[in-house]
Amino acid sequence: MKLPRSWRLHVLIIAALLITGTPVEVTLKPKVLKTQIGTATYYAKRFHGRTTASGVKFSQNALMAAHHHWPFGTIVRVINRKNKRTVRVRIVDRLARRSKAIIDLSRKAARELRFLRTGQGRVPVRLEVLKWGETLISPFLRGEAPAFRTGRESASPVGRLSL
């Protein structure tokens, strides 16, 4: 019986552990699905707590980012090309159409890449997609977001004519 590829590695690790009697550390590099090179910026403080295009509440203290068109939920490794520091972020928002940056990062991500501390607004980066997100469409457009209530809803729908 032929084992799936991922199982073979696990069997090999267990065999090595049993034979040697010592723990074996194996680090697997995630497969890079797509790369992009350009500049990164970071969100202004005023966006903290606002709802993003994906419907998620934005937090400057989380590892979040905005991209022009990659699906929401995509996991991206961002590499600062000046100092080689890396951070993993999740795409939860869209960049403004006029933005020349390829990604907009939360302040936490910018701090980890060490470009917030230096006061630089734009930094050369390399993006590597590690896992594609589920959808390009916002939950608001799919009708999955909670309905907004004003407290003055009536039984008859607005805009419907009754003859």
C-alpha atoms as a PDB file:
ATOM      1  CA  MET A   1       0.000   0.000   0.000  1.00  0.00           C
ATOM      2  CA  LYS A   2       1.419   3.359  -1.034  1.00  0.00           C
ATOM      3  CA  LEU A   3       1.114   6.109   1.574  1.00  0.00           C
ATOM      4  CA  PRO A   4       0.234   9.671   0.617  1.00  0.00           C
ATOM      5  CA  ARG A   5       3.242  11.992   0.320  1.00  0.00           C
ATOM      6  CA  SER A   6       2.478  13.910   3.539  1.00  0.00           C
ATOM      7  CA  TRP A   7       2.209  10.664   5.503  1.00  0.00           C
ATOM      8  CA  ARG A   8       5.585   9.434   4.247  1.00  0.00           C
ATOM      9  CA  LEU A   9       7.306  12.364   5.930  1.00  0.00           C
ATOM     10  CA  HIS A  10       5.517  11.667   9.209  1.00  0.00           C
ATOM     11  CA  VAL A  11       6.490   7.981   9.044  1.00  0.00           C
ATOM     12  CA  LEU A  12      10.109   8.964   8.372  1.00  0.00           C
ATOM     13  CA  ILE A  13      10.166  11.332  11.360  1.00  0.00           C
ATOM     14  CA  ILE A  14       8.654   8.704  13.663  1.00  0.00           C
ATOM     15  CA  ALA A  15      11.152   6.093  12.420  1.00  0.00           C
ATOM     16  CA  ALA A  16      14.073   8.464  13.043  1.00  0.00           C
ATOM     17  CA  LEU A  17      12.759   9.213  16.519  1.00  0.00           C
ATOM     18  CA  LEU A  18      12.408   5.512  17.359  1.00  0.00           C
ATOM     19  CA  ILE A  19      15.843   4.580  15.976  1.00  0.00           C
ATOM     20  CA  THR A  20      17.853   7.429  17.507  1.00  0.00           C
ATOM     21  CA  GLY A  21      15.790   7.965  20.635  1.00  0.00           C
ATOM     22  CA  THR A  22      16.189  11.727  20.291  1.00  0.00           C
ATOM     23  CA  PRO A  23      13.696  14.252  19.004  1.00  0.00           C
ATOM     24  CA  VAL A  24      14.121  15.239  15.382  1.00  0.00           C
ATOM     25  CA  GLU A  25      13.297  18.789  14.360  1.00  0.00           C
ATOM     26  CA  VAL A  26      12.012  19.179  10.831  1.00  0.00           C
ATOM     27  CA  THR A  27      10.981  22.547   9.465  1.00  0.00           C
ATOM     28  CA  LEU A  28       9.076  22.542   6.239  1.00  0.00           C
ATOM     29  CA  LYS A  29       9.059  25.688   4.150  1.00  0.00           C
ATOM     30  CA  PRO A  30       5.558  26.492   2.969  1.00  0.00           C
ATOM     31  CA  LYS A  31       5.153  26.427  -0.787  1.00  0.00           C
ATOM     32  CA  VAL A  32       5.083  29.909  -2.309  1.00  0.00           C
ATOM     33  CA  LEU A  33       2.112  30.175  -4.680  1.00  0.00           C
ATOM     34  CA  LYS A  34       2.795  33.656  -6.105  1.00  0.00           C
ATOM     35  CA  THR A  35       5.264  36.497  -5.595  1.00  0.00           C
ATOM     36  CA  GLN A  36       5.071  40.234  -6.139  1.00  0.00           C
ATOM     37  CA  ILE A  37       7.683  42.970  -5.688  1.00  0.00           C
ATOM     38  CA  GLY A  38       6.892  46.604  -4.945  1.00  0.00           C
ATOM     39  CA  THR A  39       6.469  49.021  -2.052  1.00  0.00           C
ATOM     40  CA  ALA A  40       4.530  48.719   1.199  1.00  0.00           C
ATOM     41  CA  THR A  41       2.834  51.391   3.273  1.00  0.00           C
ATOM     42  CA  TYR A  42       0.968  51.197   6.569  1.00  0.00           C
ATOM     43  CA  TYR A  43      -2.538  52.187   7.647  1.00  0.00           C
ATOM     44  CA  ALA A  44      -3.155  55.560   9.263  1.00  0.00           C
ATOM     45  CA  LYS A  45      -4.244  55.451  12.924  1.00  0.00           C
ATOM     46  CA  ARG A  46      -7.722  56.733  12.030  1.00  0.00           C
ATOM     47  CA  PHE A  47      -8.671  53.385  10.422  1.00  0.00           C
ATOM     48  CA  HIS A  48      -8.365  51.462  13.715  1.00  0.00           C
ATOM     49  CA  GLY A  49     -11.756  49.958  14.629  1.00  0.00           C
ATOM     50  CA  ARG A  50     -13.363  50.590  11.236  1.00  0.00           C
ATOM     51  CA  THR A  51     -14.947  47.829   9.188  1.00  0.00           C
ATOM     52  CA  THR A  52     -12.830  46.633   6.249  1.00  0.00           C
ATOM     53  CA  ALA A  53     -14.030  45.665   2.769  1.00  0.00           C
ATOM     54  CA  SER A  54     -14.189  42.022   3.905  1.00  0.00           C
ATOM     55  CA  GLY A  55     -16.453  42.899   6.833  1.00  0.00           C
ATOM     56  CA  VAL A  56     -13.747  42.340   9.469  1.00  0.00           C
ATOM     57  CA  LYS A  57     -13.099  45.063  12.036  1.00  0.00           C
ATOM     58  CA  PHE A  58      -9.613  46.491  11.406  1.00  0.00           C
ATOM     59  CA  SER A  59      -7.113  46.461  14.266  1.00  0.00           C
ATOM     60  CA  GLN A  60      -3.708  48.146  14.212  1.00  0.00           C
ATOM     61  CA  ASN A  61      -2.614  45.519  16.753  1.00  0.00           C
ATOM     62  CA  ALA A  62      -3.296  42.532  14.474  1.00  0.00           C
ATOM     63  CA  LEU A  63      -1.355  41.223  11.485  1.00  0.00           C
ATOM     64  CA  MET A  64      -3.706  42.468   8.757  1.00  0.00           C
ATOM     65  CA  ALA A  65      -3.209  43.987   5.327  1.00  0.00           C
ATOM     66  CA  ALA A  66      -4.908  45.412   2.252  1.00  0.00           C
ATOM     67  CA  HIS A  67      -4.144  44.397  -1.343  1.00  0.00           C
ATOM     68  CA  HIS A  68      -5.535  45.571  -4.675  1.00  0.00           C
ATOM     69  CA  HIS A  69      -7.084  42.275  -5.815  1.00  0.00           C
ATOM     70  CA  TRP A  70      -5.909  39.182  -3.910  1.00  0.00           C
ATOM     71  CA  PRO A  71      -8.799  37.282  -2.267  1.00  0.00           C
ATOM     72  CA  PHE A  72      -9.795  38.055   1.309  1.00  0.00           C
ATOM     73  CA  GLY A  73      -8.244  35.623   3.765  1.00  0.00           C
ATOM     74  CA  THR A  74      -5.084  35.141   1.683  1.00  0.00           C
ATOM     75  CA  ILE A  75      -2.016  34.537   3.873  1.00  0.00           C
ATOM     76  CA  VAL A  76       0.995  36.517   2.654  1.00  0.00           C
ATOM     77  CA  ARG A  77       4.616  36.538   3.786  1.00  0.00           C
ATOM     78  CA  VAL A  78       5.921  40.112   3.509  1.00  0.00           C
ATOM     79  CA  ILE A  79       9.709  40.496   3.283  1.00  0.00           C
ATOM     80  CA  ASN A  80      11.335  43.891   3.872  1.00  0.00           C
ATOM     81  CA  ARG A  81      13.935  43.992   1.083  1.00  0.00           C
ATOM     82  CA  LYS A  82      16.138  46.446   3.000  1.00  0.00           C
ATOM     83  CA  ASN A  83      16.636  44.437   6.206  1.00  0.00           C
ATOM     84  CA  LYS A  84      15.257  40.963   5.236  1.00  0.00           C
ATOM     85  CA  ARG A  85      12.774  40.902   8.167  1.00  0.00           C
ATOM     86  CA  THR A  86       9.551  38.967   7.483  1.00  0.00           C
ATOM     87  CA  VAL A  87       5.993  38.908   8.754  1.00  0.00           C
ATOM     88  CA  ARG A  88       2.874  36.921   7.828  1.00  0.00           C
ATOM     89  CA  VAL A  89      -0.352  38.849   7.335  1.00  0.00           C
ATOM     90  CA  ARG A  90      -3.927  38.111   6.267  1.00  0.00           C
ATOM     91  CA  ILE A  91      -5.559  40.136   3.473  1.00  0.00           C
ATOM     92  CA  VAL A  92      -8.748  41.694   4.894  1.00  0.00           C
ATOM     93  CA  ASP A  93      -9.124  44.926   2.929  1.00  0.00           C
ATOM     94  CA  ARG A  94      -8.673  46.611  -0.447  1.00  0.00           C
ATOM     95  CA  LEU A  95      -6.180  49.313  -1.370  1.00  0.00           C
ATOM     96  CA  ALA A  96      -7.386  52.583  -2.824  1.00  0.00           C
ATOM     97  CA  ARG A  97      -7.319  52.490  -6.640  1.00  0.00           C
ATOM     98  CA  ARG A  98      -4.879  55.373  -6.795  1.00  0.00           C
ATOM     99  CA  SER A  99      -2.407  53.731  -4.382  1.00  0.00           C
ATOM    100  CA  LYS A 100       1.010  52.992  -5.867  1.00  0.00           C
ATOM    101  CA  ALA A 101       1.851  50.587  -3.027  1.00  0.00           C
ATOM    102  CA  ILE A 102       1.238  46.857  -3.520  1.00  0.00           C
ATOM    103  CA  ILE A 103       0.229  46.299   0.116  1.00  0.00           C
ATOM    104  CA  ASP A 104      -0.957  48.385   3.062  1.00  0.00           C
ATOM    105  CA  LEU A 105       0.005  46.897   6.439  1.00  0.00           C
ATOM    106  CA  SER A 106      -1.279  47.261   9.983  1.00  0.00           C
ATOM    107  CA  ARG A 107       1.005  49.145  12.362  1.00  0.00           C
ATOM    108  CA  LYS A 108       1.915  45.872  14.113  1.00  0.00           C
ATOM    109  CA  ALA A 109       3.122  44.351  10.824  1.00  0.00           C
ATOM    110  CA  ALA A 110       5.037  47.544   9.973  1.00  0.00           C
ATOM    111  CA  ARG A 111       6.685  47.433  13.420  1.00  0.00           C
ATOM    112  CA  GLU A 112       7.742  43.808  12.906  1.00  0.00           C
ATOM    113  CA  LEU A 113       9.264  44.715   9.539  1.00  0.00           C
ATOM    114  CA  ARG A 114      11.068  47.598  11.309  1.00  0.00           C
ATOM    115  CA  PHE A 115       9.939  50.342   8.986  1.00  0.00           C
ATOM    116  CA  LEU A 116       7.510  52.021  11.357  1.00  0.00           C
ATOM    117  CA  ARG A 117      10.330  52.682  13.814  1.00  0.00           C
ATOM    118  CA  THR A 118      12.510  54.351  11.166  1.00  0.00           C
ATOM    119  CA  GLY A 119       9.707  56.700  10.144  1.00  0.00           C
ATOM    120  CA  GLN A 120       9.675  55.515   6.543  1.00  0.00           C
ATOM    121  CA  GLY A 121       6.311  55.655   4.824  1.00  0.00           C
ATOM    122  CA  ARG A 122       7.235  53.430   1.889  1.00  0.00           C
ATOM    123  CA  VAL A 123       9.523  50.414   1.969  1.00  0.00           C
ATOM    124  CA  PRO A 124      10.542  47.997  -0.818  1.00  0.00           C
ATOM    125  CA  VAL A 125       9.008  44.581  -0.144  1.00  0.00           C
ATOM    126  CA  ARG A 126       8.549  41.164  -1.660  1.00  0.00           C
ATOM    127  CA  LEU A 127       5.186  39.454  -1.167  1.00  0.00           C
ATOM    128  CA  GLU A 128       4.841  35.667  -1.175  1.00  0.00           C
ATOM    129  CA  VAL A 129       1.385  34.073  -1.148  1.00  0.00           C
ATOM    130  CA  LEU A 130       1.438  31.073   1.191  1.00  0.00           C
ATOM    131  CA  LYS A 131      -2.288  30.272   1.101  1.00  0.00           C
ATOM    132  CA  TRP A 132      -5.022  31.693  -1.090  1.00  0.00           C
ATOM    133  CA  GLY A 133      -8.102  33.092   0.587  1.00  0.00           C
ATOM    134  CA  GLU A 134     -11.601  31.882  -0.059  1.00  0.00           C
ATOM    135  CA  THR A 135     -13.250  34.727  -1.876  1.00  0.00           C
ATOM    136  CA  LEU A 136     -12.852  37.959  -3.779  1.00  0.00           C
ATOM    137  CA  ILE A 137     -16.309  39.113  -2.741  1.00  0.00           C
ATOM    138  CA  SER A 138     -17.069  40.927   0.483  1.00  0.00           C
ATOM    139  CA  PRO A 139     -19.562  39.239   2.848  1.00  0.00           C
ATOM    140  CA  PHE A 140     -21.645  42.417   2.529  1.00  0.00           C
ATOM    141  CA  LEU A 141     -22.069  41.770  -1.196  1.00  0.00           C
ATOM    142  CA  ARG A 142     -22.857  38.091  -0.593  1.00  0.00           C
ATOM    143  CA  GLY A 143     -25.576  39.027   1.899  1.00  0.00           C
ATOM    144  CA  GLU A 144     -23.808  37.336   4.831  1.00  0.00           C
ATOM    145  CA  ALA A 145     -23.126  40.454   6.880  1.00  0.00           C
ATOM    146  CA  PRO A 146     -25.594  41.362   9.611  1.00  0.00           C
ATOM    147  CA  ALA A 147     -28.368  43.709   8.576  1.00  0.00           C
ATOM    148  CA  PHE A 148     -28.096  47.279   9.774  1.00  0.00           C
ATOM    149  CA  ARG A 149     -31.046  48.376  11.886  1.00  0.00           C
ATOM    150  CA  THR A 150     -32.165  51.917  12.496  1.00  0.00           C
ATOM    151  CA  GLY A 151     -34.844  51.053  15.029  1.00  0.00           C
ATOM    152  CA  ARG A 152     -37.556  52.564  12.837  1.00  0.00           C
ATOM    153  CA  GLU A 153     -38.294  49.574  10.595  1.00  0.00           C
ATOM    154  CA  SER A 154     -41.917  49.045   9.674  1.00  0.00           C
ATOM    155  CA  ALA A 155     -43.804  45.923   8.692  1.00  0.00           C
ATOM    156  CA  SER A 156     -44.135  47.052   5.085  1.00  0.00           C
ATOM    157  CA  PRO A 157     -40.931  47.124   3.033  1.00  0.00           C
ATOM    158  CA  VAL A 158     -39.727  50.525   1.877  1.00  0.00           C
ATOM    159  CA  GLY A 159     -40.067  51.197  -1.827  1.00  0.00           C
ATOM    160  CA  ARG A 160     -42.821  48.634  -2.450  1.00  0.00           C
ATOM    161  CA  LEU A 161     -46.053  49.966  -3.867  1.00  0.00           C
ATOM    162  CA  SER A 162     -49.381  48.496  -2.854  1.00  0.00           C
ATOM    163  CA  LEU A 163     -52.308  49.014  -5.201  1.00  0.00           C
END
